[in-house]
Amino acid sequence: MTDIYWPLQRNVIRGRSDHNTFGLVRRYANGALKPHQGWDFEAPLQTPVYAVAAGEVAFVRDRGDYGLQLCIEFEFAGRTLFAFYAHLSKVHVSEGARVSGNELVAASGESGNAAGMAVADQHVHFEIRTAKQPRLGLLDRVSPLTVFGKCPLHEAIPG
């Protein structure tokens, strides 16, 4: 069984709002439901970020709305998954490197569309993917609840 660790020392959903959890939890301007592909964890700038499991760094890149990104491939319950972190300021590991579970791998930031957010809204966007390069919407993603077994929506969970 793969050991699973939380990505931060203090894990709580940003604003304790279900709009920052996984699924059809947001709305477009016209009122239609809009997907959110992961969890947004509250994280002041430069918060240490940890590997949720032992695995291999699938990629590190800086582009688009996600800004500086890190993706770690790992095995869980007999399947290959990818832990994806976004809006980082620094990544301490390189593509292809092996990482241990709970290893310091990055620092939170305000890259991509998180640039200039109020202190209360600073966060790390975190996803569990079933593909390294997922399709649009919720395709090729699963709720982090699948791996963690609980969601830190109303109270923080220590890492």
Protein backbone atom coordinates (compact mmCIF):
# COMPACT_ATOMS: atom_id res chain seq x y z
CA MET A 1 0.00 0.00 0.00
CA THR A 2 1.34 3.41 -0.98
CA ASP A 3 1.82 5.87 1.88
CA ILE A 4 -0.10 9.09 1.21
CA TYR A 5 0.85 12.44 2.71
CA TRP A 6 -0.87 15.81 2.67
CA PRO A 7 0.73 18.46 0.42
CA LEU A 8 1.07 21.17 3.09
CA GLN A 9 1.84 21.35 6.80
CA ARG A 10 -1.65 22.83 7.30
CA ASN A 11 -4.28 21.70 4.80
CA VAL A 12 -7.59 23.54 4.49
CA ILE A 13 -9.71 24.43 1.47
CA ARG A 14 -9.37 28.10 0.53
CA GLY A 15 -12.05 30.19 2.20
CA ARG A 16 -13.60 26.97 3.51
CA SER A 17 -15.78 27.21 0.41
CA ASP A 18 -17.07 24.28 -1.60
CA HIS A 19 -16.41 26.45 -4.69
CA ASN A 20 -12.74 25.57 -4.14
CA THR A 21 -13.29 21.80 -4.10
CA PHE A 22 -13.56 19.28 -6.95
CA GLY A 23 -16.44 18.99 -9.39
CA LEU A 24 -19.18 21.16 -10.84
CA VAL A 25 -18.89 23.63 -7.99
CA ARG A 26 -18.58 26.95 -9.84
CA ARG A 27 -20.77 28.86 -12.28
CA TYR A 28 -20.17 30.66 -15.54
CA ALA A 29 -21.51 34.22 -15.92
CA ASN A 30 -24.66 32.78 -17.57
CA GLY A 31 -25.34 30.60 -14.51
CA ALA A 32 -24.33 27.28 -16.07
CA LEU A 33 -22.28 24.94 -13.90
CA LYS A 34 -18.51 25.18 -14.30
CA PRO A 35 -15.99 22.52 -13.31
CA HIS A 36 -13.15 22.99 -10.84
CA GLN A 37 -10.58 20.26 -11.43
CA GLY A 38 -9.04 20.01 -7.97
CA TRP A 39 -8.79 21.49 -4.51
CA ASP A 40 -7.45 24.94 -3.69
CA PHE A 41 -5.47 24.78 -0.44
CA GLU A 42 -4.95 27.99 1.53
CA ALA A 43 -1.23 28.79 1.27
CA PRO A 44 0.43 32.12 1.99
CA LEU A 45 3.33 32.89 -0.36
CA GLN A 46 6.38 30.65 0.06
CA THR A 47 4.48 27.93 1.96
CA PRO A 48 6.47 24.65 1.74
CA VAL A 49 4.81 22.08 -0.57
CA TYR A 50 5.39 18.33 -0.20
CA ALA A 51 5.10 15.22 -2.37
CA VAL A 52 1.87 13.37 -1.54
CA ALA A 53 3.50 10.03 -2.39
CA ALA A 54 6.75 8.51 -3.55
CA GLY A 55 7.07 8.69 -7.30
CA GLU A 56 8.73 10.30 -10.29
CA VAL A 57 8.52 13.92 -11.41
CA ALA A 58 6.53 13.77 -14.66
CA PHE A 59 7.05 17.44 -15.52
CA VAL A 60 7.87 20.91 -14.29
CA ARG A 61 6.68 23.81 -16.44
CA ASP A 62 5.60 27.42 -16.29
CA ARG A 63 2.71 28.40 -18.55
CA GLY A 64 -0.87 29.53 -18.80
CA ASP A 65 -3.43 29.96 -16.06
CA TYR A 66 -1.69 27.41 -13.82
CA GLY A 67 1.64 29.28 -13.85
CA LEU A 68 4.55 27.31 -12.39
CA GLN A 69 3.45 23.66 -12.23
CA LEU A 70 4.73 20.37 -10.84
CA CYS A 71 3.37 16.91 -11.67
CA ILE A 72 4.42 13.73 -9.84
CA GLU A 73 3.52 10.26 -11.13
CA PHE A 74 2.77 7.71 -8.39
CA GLU A 75 1.03 4.39 -7.80
CA PHE A 76 -2.11 4.15 -5.66
CA ALA A 77 -4.52 1.24 -5.22
CA GLY A 78 -3.10 -0.55 -8.24
CA ARG A 79 -3.30 2.37 -10.65
CA THR A 80 -1.02 5.09 -11.94
CA LEU A 81 -2.03 8.59 -10.83
CA PHE A 82 -0.52 12.06 -11.11
CA ALA A 83 -0.37 14.62 -8.31
CA PHE A 84 -0.50 18.06 -9.93
CA TYR A 85 0.39 21.30 -8.13
CA ALA A 86 -0.06 24.80 -9.60
CA HIS A 87 0.55 28.51 -8.87
CA LEU A 88 3.98 27.75 -7.40
CA SER A 89 6.86 30.19 -6.90
CA LYS A 90 9.68 27.64 -6.88
CA VAL A 91 10.11 23.95 -7.64
CA HIS A 92 12.98 22.15 -5.89
CA VAL A 93 12.98 18.98 -8.04
CA SER A 94 13.63 18.29 -11.71
CA GLU A 95 11.74 16.34 -14.34
CA GLY A 96 12.60 12.63 -14.13
CA ALA A 97 13.77 12.82 -10.49
CA ARG A 98 12.55 10.26 -7.96
CA VAL A 99 10.87 11.79 -4.91
CA SER A 100 9.94 10.33 -1.55
CA GLY A 101 6.55 10.75 0.01
CA ASN A 102 6.46 13.88 2.18
CA GLU A 103 9.61 15.26 0.50
CA LEU A 104 9.79 19.05 0.16
CA VAL A 105 9.27 19.64 -3.57
CA ALA A 106 8.13 23.25 -4.04
CA ALA A 107 6.99 26.54 -2.54
CA SER A 108 3.62 28.18 -3.05
CA GLY A 109 3.38 31.35 -5.07
CA GLU A 110 1.08 33.48 -7.15
CA SER A 111 1.91 32.43 -10.67
CA GLY A 112 -0.54 32.09 -13.53
CA ASN A 113 -4.04 33.41 -12.88
CA ALA A 114 -3.31 33.53 -9.12
CA ALA A 115 -1.08 36.58 -9.66
CA GLY A 116 -1.97 39.53 -7.46
CA MET A 117 -4.57 37.73 -5.36
CA ALA A 118 -5.42 39.11 -1.94
CA VAL A 119 -3.49 37.44 0.89
CA ALA A 120 -6.66 35.63 2.01
CA ASP A 121 -6.98 34.05 -1.46
CA GLN A 122 -3.39 32.86 -1.95
CA HIS A 123 -3.41 29.13 -2.58
CA VAL A 124 -1.94 26.01 -4.13
CA HIS A 125 -4.18 24.42 -6.73
CA PHE A 126 -3.94 20.62 -6.36
CA GLU A 127 -5.32 17.86 -8.59
CA ILE A 128 -5.28 14.08 -8.82
CA ARG A 129 -5.08 13.13 -12.49
CA THR A 130 -5.42 9.81 -14.24
CA ALA A 131 -3.42 11.13 -17.22
CA LYS A 132 -0.29 13.27 -17.31
CA GLN A 133 -1.96 15.60 -19.85
CA PRO A 134 -5.69 15.58 -19.03
CA ARG A 135 -8.46 16.59 -21.36
CA LEU A 136 -10.78 19.54 -20.68
CA GLY A 137 -13.22 19.80 -17.82
CA LEU A 138 -13.16 16.96 -15.33
CA LEU A 139 -11.94 14.35 -17.82
CA ASP A 140 -8.84 12.43 -16.68
CA ARG A 141 -9.16 13.79 -13.15
CA VAL A 142 -10.60 12.36 -9.94
CA SER A 143 -11.49 14.04 -6.70
CA PRO A 144 -8.55 14.20 -4.29
CA LEU A 145 -11.02 12.64 -1.85
CA THR A 146 -10.28 9.37 -3.69
CA VAL A 147 -6.72 9.43 -2.35
CA PHE A 148 -7.04 11.30 0.96
CA GLY A 149 -10.34 9.84 2.16
CA LYS A 150 -11.48 13.16 3.62
CA CYS A 151 -11.75 16.77 2.53
CA PRO A 152 -10.42 19.58 4.75
CA LEU A 153 -13.34 21.85 3.92
CA HIS A 154 -14.34 23.09 7.38
CA GLU A 155 -11.24 22.53 9.46
CA ALA A 156 -7.55 22.21 8.78
CA ILE A 157 -5.84 18.83 8.65
CA PRO A 158 -2.18 18.81 9.67
CA GLY A 159 0.31 17.42 7.17
